[in-house]
């Protein structure tokens, strides 16, 4: 798994894990939430991770690592399309920032 960077964050990590798991027939769903809060509200969300169904068990993965703590089971499910939209949004923001930077030089 690539490390966090300005161009690779948690939604990119989840998309990569989803693609890898799906390629071998493992069903997944992305979960958004706040790992530092229990019962978080939608507006408190600051992270996304993946829940994979393996051998009849639902196992959360965060940055490529299984995370069996209670907090990784809590959050809001999002669709694959919503995850893709977030990744595209991040790419657009990065592109705009790069264009602004090159325009100011």
C-alpha atoms as a PDB file:
ATOM      1  CA  UNK A   1       0.000   0.000   0.000  1.00  0.00           C
ATOM      2  CA  UNK A   2       1.447   3.392  -0.896  1.00  0.00           C
ATOM      3  CA  UNK A   3       1.973   5.755   2.030  1.00  0.00           C
ATOM      4  CA  UNK A   4      -0.194   8.800   2.625  1.00  0.00           C
ATOM      5  CA  UNK A   5       0.776  11.749   0.432  1.00  0.00           C
ATOM      6  CA  UNK A   6      -0.878  14.875  -0.963  1.00  0.00           C
ATOM      7  CA  UNK A   7      -1.900  12.785  -3.990  1.00  0.00           C
ATOM      8  CA  UNK A   8      -2.776   9.506  -2.195  1.00  0.00           C
ATOM      9  CA  UNK A   9      -5.083   9.645   0.813  1.00  0.00           C
ATOM     10  CA  UNK A  10      -7.530   7.324   2.548  1.00  0.00           C
ATOM     11  CA  UNK A  11     -10.127   7.307  -0.251  1.00  0.00           C
ATOM     12  CA  UNK A  12      -7.435   6.327  -2.762  1.00  0.00           C
ATOM     13  CA  UNK A  13      -6.348   3.564  -0.393  1.00  0.00           C
ATOM     14  CA  UNK A  14      -9.911   2.249  -0.126  1.00  0.00           C
ATOM     15  CA  UNK A  15     -10.359   2.316  -3.900  1.00  0.00           C
ATOM     16  CA  UNK A  16      -7.112   0.378  -4.373  1.00  0.00           C
ATOM     17  CA  UNK A  17      -8.124  -2.215  -1.744  1.00  0.00           C
ATOM     18  CA  UNK A  18     -11.606  -2.505  -3.270  1.00  0.00           C
ATOM     19  CA  UNK A  19     -10.125  -3.151  -6.718  1.00  0.00           C
ATOM     20  CA  UNK A  20      -7.714  -5.787  -5.353  1.00  0.00           C
ATOM     21  CA  UNK A  21     -10.384  -7.595  -3.327  1.00  0.00           C
ATOM     22  CA  UNK A  22     -12.946  -7.435  -6.135  1.00  0.00           C
ATOM     23  CA  UNK A  23     -10.442  -8.927  -8.595  1.00  0.00           C
ATOM     24  CA  UNK A  24     -10.439 -12.133  -6.508  1.00  0.00           C
ATOM     25  CA  UNK A  25     -14.193 -12.186  -5.860  1.00  0.00           C
ATOM     26  CA  UNK A  26     -14.312 -10.619  -2.392  1.00  0.00           C
ATOM     27  CA  UNK A  27     -17.261  -8.297  -1.761  1.00  0.00           C
ATOM     28  CA  UNK A  28     -16.500  -4.982  -0.085  1.00  0.00           C
ATOM     29  CA  UNK A  29     -18.193  -1.804   1.062  1.00  0.00           C
ATOM     30  CA  UNK A  30     -16.589   1.513   1.996  1.00  0.00           C
ATOM     31  CA  UNK A  31     -17.332   3.008   5.409  1.00  0.00           C
ATOM     32  CA  UNK A  32     -16.902   6.669   6.317  1.00  0.00           C
ATOM     33  CA  UNK A  33     -16.675   7.915   9.866  1.00  0.00           C
ATOM     34  CA  UNK A  34     -14.519   9.294  12.630  1.00  0.00           C
ATOM     35  CA  UNK A  35     -12.337   6.690  14.323  1.00  0.00           C
ATOM     36  CA  UNK A  36     -11.910   8.932  17.361  1.00  0.00           C
ATOM     37  CA  UNK A  37     -15.649   9.265  18.065  1.00  0.00           C
ATOM     38  CA  UNK A  38     -18.433   6.853  18.874  1.00  0.00           C
ATOM     39  CA  UNK A  39     -21.835   7.656  17.450  1.00  0.00           C
ATOM     40  CA  UNK A  40     -20.384  10.350  15.210  1.00  0.00           C
ATOM     41  CA  UNK A  41     -22.667  12.519  13.136  1.00  0.00           C
ATOM     42  CA  UNK A  42     -22.327  12.649   9.356  1.00  0.00           C
ATOM     43  CA  UNK A  43     -20.688  16.096   9.478  1.00  0.00           C
ATOM     44  CA  UNK A  44     -17.967  14.769  11.828  1.00  0.00           C
ATOM     45  CA  UNK A  45     -16.619  12.317   9.251  1.00  0.00           C
ATOM     46  CA  UNK A  46     -12.899  12.553   8.546  1.00  0.00           C
ATOM     47  CA  UNK A  47     -11.859   9.105   7.275  1.00  0.00           C
ATOM     48  CA  UNK A  48     -12.846   6.211   5.026  1.00  0.00           C
ATOM     49  CA  UNK A  49     -11.926   2.517   5.261  1.00  0.00           C
ATOM     50  CA  UNK A  50     -13.106  -0.758   3.756  1.00  0.00           C
ATOM     51  CA  UNK A  51     -15.222  -3.617   5.063  1.00  0.00           C
ATOM     52  CA  UNK A  52     -14.530  -6.903   3.265  1.00  0.00           C
ATOM     53  CA  UNK A  53     -16.569 -10.098   3.501  1.00  0.00           C
ATOM     54  CA  UNK A  54     -14.065 -12.935   3.804  1.00  0.00           C
ATOM     55  CA  UNK A  55     -15.010 -16.487   4.747  1.00  0.00           C
ATOM     56  CA  UNK A  56     -18.358 -15.358   6.116  1.00  0.00           C
ATOM     57  CA  UNK A  57     -16.775 -12.669   8.300  1.00  0.00           C
ATOM     58  CA  UNK A  58     -16.883  -8.907   7.799  1.00  0.00           C
ATOM     59  CA  UNK A  59     -13.369  -7.602   8.303  1.00  0.00           C
ATOM     60  CA  UNK A  60     -12.470  -3.892   8.255  1.00  0.00           C
ATOM     61  CA  UNK A  61      -9.278  -2.892   6.455  1.00  0.00           C
ATOM     62  CA  UNK A  62      -7.603   0.478   6.919  1.00  0.00           C
ATOM     63  CA  UNK A  63      -4.586   1.338   4.759  1.00  0.00           C
ATOM     64  CA  UNK A  64      -4.263  -2.344   3.804  1.00  0.00           C
ATOM     65  CA  UNK A  65      -4.269  -3.634   7.376  1.00  0.00           C
ATOM     66  CA  UNK A  66      -7.082  -5.589   9.066  1.00  0.00           C
ATOM     67  CA  UNK A  67      -8.477  -3.575  11.984  1.00  0.00           C
ATOM     68  CA  UNK A  68     -10.720  -5.614  14.254  1.00  0.00           C
ATOM     69  CA  UNK A  69     -11.395  -2.939  16.850  1.00  0.00           C
ATOM     70  CA  UNK A  70     -15.012  -1.956  17.500  1.00  0.00           C
ATOM     71  CA  UNK A  71     -14.569   1.549  16.067  1.00  0.00           C
ATOM     72  CA  UNK A  72     -13.812   0.249  12.553  1.00  0.00           C
ATOM     73  CA  UNK A  73     -17.265  -1.359  12.438  1.00  0.00           C
ATOM     74  CA  UNK A  74     -18.972   1.963  13.167  1.00  0.00           C
ATOM     75  CA  UNK A  75     -19.743   4.590  10.537  1.00  0.00           C
ATOM     76  CA  UNK A  76     -21.780   5.138   7.399  1.00  0.00           C
ATOM     77  CA  UNK A  77     -21.692   2.910   4.341  1.00  0.00           C
ATOM     78  CA  UNK A  78     -21.108   4.644   1.023  1.00  0.00           C
ATOM     79  CA  UNK A  79     -21.548   3.276  -2.470  1.00  0.00           C
ATOM     80  CA  UNK A  80     -18.715   2.562  -4.844  1.00  0.00           C
ATOM     81  CA  UNK A  81     -19.902   5.487  -6.981  1.00  0.00           C
ATOM     82  CA  UNK A  82     -19.743   7.847  -3.982  1.00  0.00           C
ATOM     83  CA  UNK A  83     -16.184   6.662  -3.311  1.00  0.00           C
ATOM     84  CA  UNK A  84     -15.252   7.280  -6.955  1.00  0.00           C
ATOM     85  CA  UNK A  85     -16.773  10.763  -6.765  1.00  0.00           C
ATOM     86  CA  UNK A  86     -14.595  11.588  -3.749  1.00  0.00           C
ATOM     87  CA  UNK A  87     -11.457  10.350  -5.506  1.00  0.00           C
ATOM     88  CA  UNK A  88     -12.329  12.402  -8.624  1.00  0.00           C
ATOM     89  CA  UNK A  89     -13.014  15.466  -6.453  1.00  0.00           C
ATOM     90  CA  UNK A  90      -9.585  15.157  -4.806  1.00  0.00           C
ATOM     91  CA  UNK A  91      -7.963  14.868  -8.249  1.00  0.00           C
ATOM     92  CA  UNK A  92      -9.806  17.983  -9.444  1.00  0.00           C
ATOM     93  CA  UNK A  93      -8.722  19.960  -6.364  1.00  0.00           C
ATOM     94  CA  UNK A  94      -5.110  18.888  -6.940  1.00  0.00           C
ATOM     95  CA  UNK A  95      -5.322  19.863 -10.616  1.00  0.00           C
ATOM     96  CA  UNK A  96      -6.753  23.309  -9.794  1.00  0.00           C
ATOM     97  CA  UNK A  97      -4.021  23.877  -7.199  1.00  0.00           C
ATOM     98  CA  UNK A  98      -1.336  22.853  -9.699  1.00  0.00           C
ATOM     99  CA  UNK A  99      -2.782  25.180 -12.337  1.00  0.00           C
ATOM    100  CA  UNK A 100      -2.868  28.087  -9.891  1.00  0.00           C
ATOM    101  CA  UNK A 101       0.708  27.405  -8.899  1.00  0.00           C
ATOM    102  CA  UNK A 102       1.919  27.376 -12.515  1.00  0.00           C
ATOM    103  CA  UNK A 103      -0.131  30.520 -13.330  1.00  0.00           C
ATOM    104  CA  UNK A 104       1.523  32.468 -10.515  1.00  0.00           C
ATOM    105  CA  UNK A 105       5.044  31.717 -11.735  1.00  0.00           C
END
